[in-house]
Protein backbone atom coordinates (compact mmCIF):
# COMPACT_ATOMS: atom_id res chain seq x y z
CA MET A 1 0.00 0.00 0.00
CA LYS A 2 1.87 3.06 -1.30
CA ASN A 3 -0.26 5.73 0.33
CA LYS A 4 -1.59 5.55 3.85
CA GLU A 5 -5.03 6.73 2.89
CA VAL A 6 -8.38 5.04 2.65
CA GLY A 7 -11.96 5.82 1.68
CA LEU A 8 -14.80 5.01 4.05
CA ILE A 9 -18.47 5.10 3.11
CA GLY A 10 -20.91 4.91 6.01
CA LEU A 11 -20.50 6.70 9.33
CA GLY A 12 -23.09 4.88 11.43
CA ARG A 13 -22.25 3.19 14.72
CA MET A 14 -19.73 0.82 13.18
CA GLY A 15 -18.49 3.32 10.61
CA ARG A 16 -17.63 5.98 13.19
CA GLY A 17 -15.66 3.44 15.20
CA ALA A 18 -13.83 2.29 12.08
CA ALA A 19 -13.03 5.88 11.12
CA ASN A 20 -11.59 6.60 14.55
CA ARG A 21 -9.42 3.46 14.48
CA LEU A 22 -8.10 4.22 11.01
CA ALA A 23 -7.31 7.82 11.92
CA ALA A 24 -5.59 6.71 15.12
CA ALA A 25 -3.44 4.37 13.03
CA GLY A 26 -2.24 7.31 10.95
CA PHE A 27 -4.52 6.96 7.93
CA HIS A 28 -5.85 9.93 6.01
CA VAL A 29 -9.53 8.99 5.82
CA VAL A 30 -11.86 10.37 3.15
CA ALA A 31 -15.46 9.60 4.08
CA TYR A 32 -19.02 9.92 2.88
CA ASP A 33 -22.32 9.37 4.65
CA PRO A 34 -25.69 10.50 3.28
CA ALA A 35 -26.73 11.72 6.73
CA VAL A 36 -23.87 14.22 6.96
CA GLY A 37 -23.02 14.90 3.32
CA GLY A 38 -19.76 16.78 2.91
CA GLU A 39 -19.67 18.06 6.48
CA CYS A 40 -18.59 16.00 9.48
CA SER A 41 -17.15 16.93 12.82
CA SER A 42 -17.88 13.83 14.92
CA VAL A 43 -14.91 11.89 13.51
CA PRO A 44 -11.36 12.94 12.51
CA VAL A 45 -11.87 12.48 8.76
CA ARG A 46 -12.42 14.53 5.65
CA CYS A 47 -15.99 14.23 4.42
CA VAL A 48 -17.02 14.65 0.79
CA GLU A 49 -20.36 14.97 -0.95
CA SER A 50 -20.82 11.59 -2.66
CA PRO A 51 -19.42 8.06 -2.94
CA ARG A 52 -17.79 8.92 -6.24
CA ALA A 53 -16.13 11.94 -4.64
CA VAL A 54 -14.49 9.55 -2.16
CA ALA A 55 -12.75 7.78 -5.04
CA ALA A 56 -11.78 11.08 -6.66
CA ALA A 57 -10.07 12.25 -3.47
CA LEU A 58 -7.81 9.19 -3.19
CA THR A 59 -4.51 8.32 -4.87
CA PRO A 60 -4.29 5.05 -6.85
CA PRO A 61 -4.28 2.25 -6.00
CA ARG A 62 -7.39 3.26 -4.08
CA ILE A 63 -8.91 1.31 -1.23
CA VAL A 64 -12.53 2.07 -0.27
CA VAL A 65 -14.34 0.44 2.65
CA LEU A 66 -18.15 0.25 2.75
CA LEU A 67 -20.04 0.03 6.04
CA VAL A 68 -23.61 0.52 4.85
CA PRO A 69 -26.81 -1.52 5.37
CA ALA A 70 -27.14 -4.73 3.36
CA GLY A 71 -29.19 -4.87 0.18
CA ASP A 72 -30.01 -1.99 -2.14
CA PRO A 73 -27.92 0.60 -0.21
CA VAL A 74 -24.78 -1.37 -1.12
CA ASP A 75 -25.76 -1.56 -4.81
CA GLN A 76 -26.54 2.16 -4.89
CA THR A 77 -23.27 3.01 -3.16
CA LEU A 78 -21.35 0.92 -5.67
CA PHE A 79 -23.24 1.33 -8.92
CA GLY A 80 -25.69 4.23 -8.50
CA GLU A 81 -25.60 7.53 -10.33
CA ASN A 82 -22.83 8.80 -8.05
CA GLY A 83 -21.60 5.34 -7.09
CA VAL A 84 -18.02 4.83 -6.04
CA VAL A 85 -17.25 2.29 -8.78
CA GLY A 86 -17.63 5.01 -11.41
CA GLY A 87 -14.64 6.79 -9.88
CA LEU A 88 -12.42 3.75 -9.48
CA ALA A 89 -9.88 2.33 -11.93
CA PRO A 90 -8.28 -1.06 -12.61
CA GLY A 91 -6.24 -2.21 -9.63
CA ASP A 92 -8.35 -0.35 -7.08
CA VAL A 93 -9.98 -2.26 -4.21
CA VAL A 94 -13.48 -1.97 -2.78
CA ILE A 95 -14.23 -3.72 0.51
CA ASP A 96 -17.81 -4.40 1.61
CA ALA A 97 -17.43 -4.67 5.39
CA GLY A 98 -21.15 -4.71 6.15
CA ASN A 99 -23.56 -7.63 6.70
CA SER A 100 -24.24 -8.40 3.04
CA TYR A 101 -25.63 -11.70 1.75
CA PHE A 102 -22.73 -13.71 0.35
CA ARG A 103 -24.56 -14.39 -2.94
CA ASP A 104 -24.94 -10.63 -3.42
CA SER A 105 -21.20 -10.27 -2.83
CA LEU A 106 -20.47 -12.83 -5.55
CA ARG A 107 -22.69 -10.91 -7.97
CA ARG A 108 -21.11 -7.57 -7.13
CA ALA A 109 -17.59 -8.97 -7.38
CA ALA A 110 -18.30 -10.31 -10.88
CA ARG A 111 -19.64 -6.94 -11.97
CA VAL A 112 -16.69 -4.85 -10.73
CA LYS A 113 -14.21 -7.40 -12.09
CA GLU A 114 -15.33 -6.40 -15.58
CA SER A 115 -13.68 -3.03 -14.89
CA GLY A 116 -10.53 -4.55 -13.41
CA ILE A 117 -11.53 -3.54 -9.88
CA HIS A 118 -10.94 -5.92 -6.98
CA PHE A 119 -13.80 -6.77 -4.63
CA ILE A 120 -13.32 -8.02 -1.06
CA ASP A 121 -16.18 -9.10 1.18
CA CYS A 122 -15.38 -8.63 4.86
CA GLY A 123 -17.57 -9.89 7.66
CA THR A 124 -17.11 -7.54 10.61
CA SER A 125 -17.83 -8.46 14.22
CA GLY A 126 -17.22 -6.57 17.44
CA GLY A 127 -20.12 -4.14 17.65
CA ILE A 128 -19.59 -0.73 19.16
CA GLY A 129 -16.88 -2.22 21.40
CA GLY A 130 -14.76 -2.81 18.31
CA GLU A 131 -13.65 0.82 18.26
CA LYS A 132 -11.72 0.29 21.49
CA GLU A 133 -10.82 -3.40 21.35
CA GLY A 134 -10.55 -3.84 17.59
CA TYR A 135 -12.82 -5.79 15.28
CA CYS A 136 -12.89 -9.42 14.19
CA LEU A 137 -12.64 -9.47 10.40
CA MET A 138 -13.57 -12.46 8.22
CA ILE A 139 -12.17 -11.67 4.77
CA GLY A 140 -13.04 -13.14 1.38
CA GLY A 141 -11.10 -12.21 -1.73
CA ASP A 142 -8.14 -12.92 -3.96
CA PRO A 143 -4.75 -12.97 -2.19
CA GLU A 144 -3.28 -9.98 -4.05
CA PRO A 145 -5.89 -7.32 -3.14
CA VAL A 146 -6.18 -8.72 0.40
CA GLU A 147 -2.42 -8.25 0.81
CA LEU A 148 -2.69 -4.74 -0.63
CA ALA A 149 -5.33 -3.91 1.99
CA ARG A 150 -3.41 -5.57 4.84
CA PRO A 151 -2.55 -2.24 6.57
CA VAL A 152 -6.27 -1.35 6.63
CA PHE A 153 -7.23 -4.70 8.13
CA GLU A 154 -4.46 -4.50 10.72
CA ALA A 155 -5.59 -1.02 11.75
CA LEU A 156 -9.21 -2.12 12.16
CA ALA A 157 -8.74 -5.56 13.73
CA ALA A 158 -8.03 -6.67 17.26
CA PRO A 159 -4.58 -8.29 17.62
CA GLY A 160 -4.73 -11.48 15.58
CA GLY A 161 -8.32 -10.56 14.69
CA TRP A 162 -8.37 -10.85 10.91
CA LEU A 163 -8.13 -13.78 8.52
CA ARG A 164 -8.54 -14.36 4.82
CA VAL A 165 -10.98 -17.26 5.02
CA GLY A 166 -11.16 -17.92 1.26
CA GLY A 167 -12.13 -16.42 -2.06
CA VAL A 168 -14.78 -13.80 -2.76
CA GLY A 169 -18.03 -14.58 -0.94
CA SER A 170 -16.41 -16.57 1.85
CA GLY A 171 -16.06 -13.57 4.16
CA HIS A 172 -19.76 -12.83 4.26
CA TYR A 173 -20.55 -16.55 4.30
CA THR A 174 -18.43 -16.92 7.45
CA LYS A 175 -20.08 -13.88 9.06
CA MET A 176 -23.51 -15.32 8.24
CA VAL A 177 -22.63 -18.49 10.17
CA HIS A 178 -21.07 -16.41 12.98
CA ASN A 179 -24.32 -14.46 13.40
CA ALA A 180 -26.40 -17.64 13.34
CA ILE A 181 -24.32 -19.03 16.21
CA GLU A 182 -24.78 -15.73 18.03
CA TYR A 183 -28.58 -16.06 17.77
CA ALA A 184 -28.51 -19.39 19.60
CA MET A 185 -26.08 -18.17 22.26
CA LEU A 186 -28.18 -15.10 23.00
CA GLN A 187 -31.37 -17.14 23.24
CA ALA A 188 -29.72 -19.65 25.59
CA ILE A 189 -28.49 -16.89 27.91
CA GLY A 190 -31.91 -15.23 27.93
CA GLU A 191 -33.75 -18.46 28.74
CA GLY A 192 -31.24 -19.43 31.41
CA PHE A 193 -31.67 -16.18 33.28
CA GLU A 194 -35.44 -16.43 33.02
CA LEU A 195 -35.21 -19.79 34.77
CA LEU A 196 -32.88 -18.35 37.41
CA LYS A 197 -35.35 -15.50 37.96
CA ALA A 198 -38.08 -18.06 38.64
CA GLY A 199 -35.89 -20.11 40.98
CA PRO A 200 -34.92 -20.01 44.69
CA LEU A 201 -31.88 -17.69 44.49
CA SER A 202 -30.87 -15.29 47.22
CA ALA A 203 -28.05 -13.86 45.12
CA SER A 204 -29.01 -11.32 42.48
CA LEU A 205 -29.00 -12.25 38.81
CA GLY A 206 -26.31 -9.63 38.25
CA GLU A 207 -24.11 -11.33 40.84
CA VAL A 208 -24.60 -14.72 39.18
CA ALA A 209 -23.78 -13.29 35.76
CA ARG A 210 -20.68 -11.64 37.20
CA LEU A 211 -19.67 -14.94 38.79
CA TRP A 212 -19.98 -16.66 35.43
CA THR A 213 -17.45 -14.26 33.93
CA ARG A 214 -14.78 -15.63 36.30
CA GLY A 215 -13.47 -18.99 35.12
CA SER A 216 -16.81 -20.42 33.99
CA VAL A 217 -17.06 -22.51 30.83
CA ILE A 218 -19.69 -20.05 29.55
CA ARG A 219 -17.71 -16.90 30.38
CA GLY A 220 -17.25 -14.31 27.64
CA TRP A 221 -18.27 -10.88 26.40
CA LEU A 222 -21.97 -11.74 26.17
CA MET A 223 -21.94 -12.82 29.83
CA GLU A 224 -20.12 -9.62 30.77
CA LEU A 225 -22.86 -7.66 29.01
CA ALA A 226 -25.49 -9.69 30.90
CA ALA A 227 -23.77 -8.87 34.18
CA GLU A 228 -23.77 -5.16 33.37
CA ALA A 229 -27.43 -5.09 32.30
CA LEU A 230 -28.74 -7.20 35.20
CA SER A 231 -26.70 -5.33 37.79
CA ALA A 232 -28.08 -2.01 36.58
CA ASP A 233 -31.71 -3.18 36.38
CA PRO A 234 -32.44 -6.76 37.56
CA GLU A 235 -36.05 -6.57 36.36
CA LEU A 236 -35.08 -5.01 33.01
CA LYS A 237 -38.24 -2.98 33.48
CA ASP A 238 -37.26 -0.32 30.96
CA ILE A 239 -36.59 -2.81 28.17
CA ARG A 240 -39.19 -4.28 25.83
CA GLY A 241 -38.63 -7.95 25.10
CA GLU A 242 -38.76 -7.50 21.35
CA ILE A 243 -35.73 -8.75 19.44
CA GLY A 244 -34.76 -7.10 16.17
CA GLY A 245 -32.50 -8.30 13.38
CA GLY A 246 -32.87 -11.57 11.56
CA SER A 247 -31.58 -11.43 7.97
CA THR A 248 -28.30 -13.25 8.53
CA GLY A 249 -30.03 -15.95 10.57
CA ARG A 250 -32.58 -16.54 7.83
CA TRP A 251 -29.83 -16.73 5.20
CA ALA A 252 -27.96 -19.30 7.30
CA ILE A 253 -31.06 -21.44 7.76
CA ASP A 254 -31.81 -21.35 4.02
CA GLU A 255 -28.21 -22.30 3.26
CA ALA A 256 -28.34 -25.15 5.77
CA TRP A 257 -31.44 -26.54 4.05
CA ASP A 258 -29.69 -26.36 0.68
CA ARG A 259 -26.61 -28.17 2.00
CA GLY A 260 -28.48 -30.72 4.10
CA VAL A 261 -27.03 -29.46 7.38
CA PRO A 262 -29.30 -29.67 10.47
CA LEU A 263 -29.56 -26.28 12.16
CA SER A 264 -32.23 -27.06 14.73
CA VAL A 265 -31.11 -24.90 17.68
CA ILE A 266 -30.29 -21.91 15.49
CA ALA A 267 -33.55 -22.25 13.58
CA LEU A 268 -35.53 -22.29 16.81
CA SER A 269 -33.73 -19.23 18.16
CA TYR A 270 -34.52 -17.42 14.90
CA SER A 271 -38.19 -18.42 15.20
CA LEU A 272 -38.32 -17.06 18.74
CA ARG A 273 -37.13 -13.67 17.51
CA HIS A 274 -40.29 -13.45 15.44
CA ARG A 275 -42.38 -14.57 18.42
CA SER A 276 -40.87 -11.77 20.53
CA ARG A 277 -42.37 -9.21 18.15
CA GLN A 278 -45.92 -10.50 18.52
CA ARG A 279 -48.13 -8.78 21.07
CA ASP A 280 -50.37 -11.83 21.45
CA SER A 281 -49.71 -14.75 19.15
CA TYR A 282 -52.59 -15.98 17.03
CA ALA A 283 -51.13 -19.49 17.22
CA GLY A 284 -51.35 -19.25 21.00
CA LYS A 285 -54.99 -18.21 20.74
CA VAL A 286 -55.70 -21.25 18.54
CA VAL A 287 -53.99 -23.62 20.97
CA ALA A 288 -55.87 -22.10 23.93
CA ALA A 289 -59.20 -22.53 22.11
CA LEU A 290 -58.44 -26.16 21.24
CA ARG A 291 -57.38 -27.01 24.81
CA HIS A 292 -60.60 -25.47 26.08
CA GLY A 293 -62.55 -27.48 23.51
CA PHE A 294 -61.14 -30.91 24.26
CA GLY A 295 -60.34 -30.56 27.95
CA GLY A 296 -62.28 -27.63 29.29
CA HIS A 297 -59.05 -25.86 30.16
CA GLU A 298 -59.45 -22.24 31.20
CA MET A 299 -58.97 -19.56 28.56
CA MET A 300 -57.41 -16.27 29.65
CA PRO A 301 -59.19 -13.09 28.54
CA ALA A 302 -57.64 -11.18 25.63
CA LEU A 303 -55.22 -8.38 26.46
CA PRO A 304 -56.74 -4.90 26.37
CA ASP A 305 -55.69 -2.69 23.47
CA GLY A 306 -52.42 -0.93 24.13
CA GLU A 307 -50.95 -3.55 26.43
């Protein structure tokens, strides 16, 4: 990498953290985000007015990192009227570091290859804590452009926290599986603490979670987050039990079906995310009506509107 400069498109929660890490590593960062346009003061970068302007402000061989929402926003950022690809040249590198579907990454890579541009798909994990600790990067792409972008990956990643896992598409494939595993882990922690809450403990749930961060087989960052949340508010009274997200889990389940791989625990955890968004499940109403019909079991009255 001849010039220690990089383009960054997307200054959301992950993008701001990435910008700060790159700047701290000595990179000159040229950035664009539609929410801020050409003006930005929250991060130590130079902001320009469009994705294509990012490319125009860099010296070849250019490296541009995308941290934008999956789907159409990525296509527009790459190929839209002011898309970054229109300002790139053969030998330049574009890195999609968001949560894109791996099949979309294969399609995009084939399209930019026609112009001699390298495409790298990079699954990025670490959340907002990645700004301080560094990110975990799962990288898919040809060896040459990955090596060219090595200084960028080293600046963003935690020590030892990046790996070229294979060719184009494999980075986002690996991140898809990573997120599917995360679904099941989160669901298991949530259910375990619900059982503890119903049990005969004298210790607080926060104390138990904190204990489990010290030498336990299930210790880790998620347990540390549980300890923080449950210590601050054991009843979690200010939190609604509705779980967002879901695209990467659905992709993983579809892929598992195609490859004949059983994904029972992950599939159930994904299903329960949908259940968490229902105020009062219609399926539950049906089951209650049937139980009343065959066994005379009591039916609870419907919830009032607004509850």
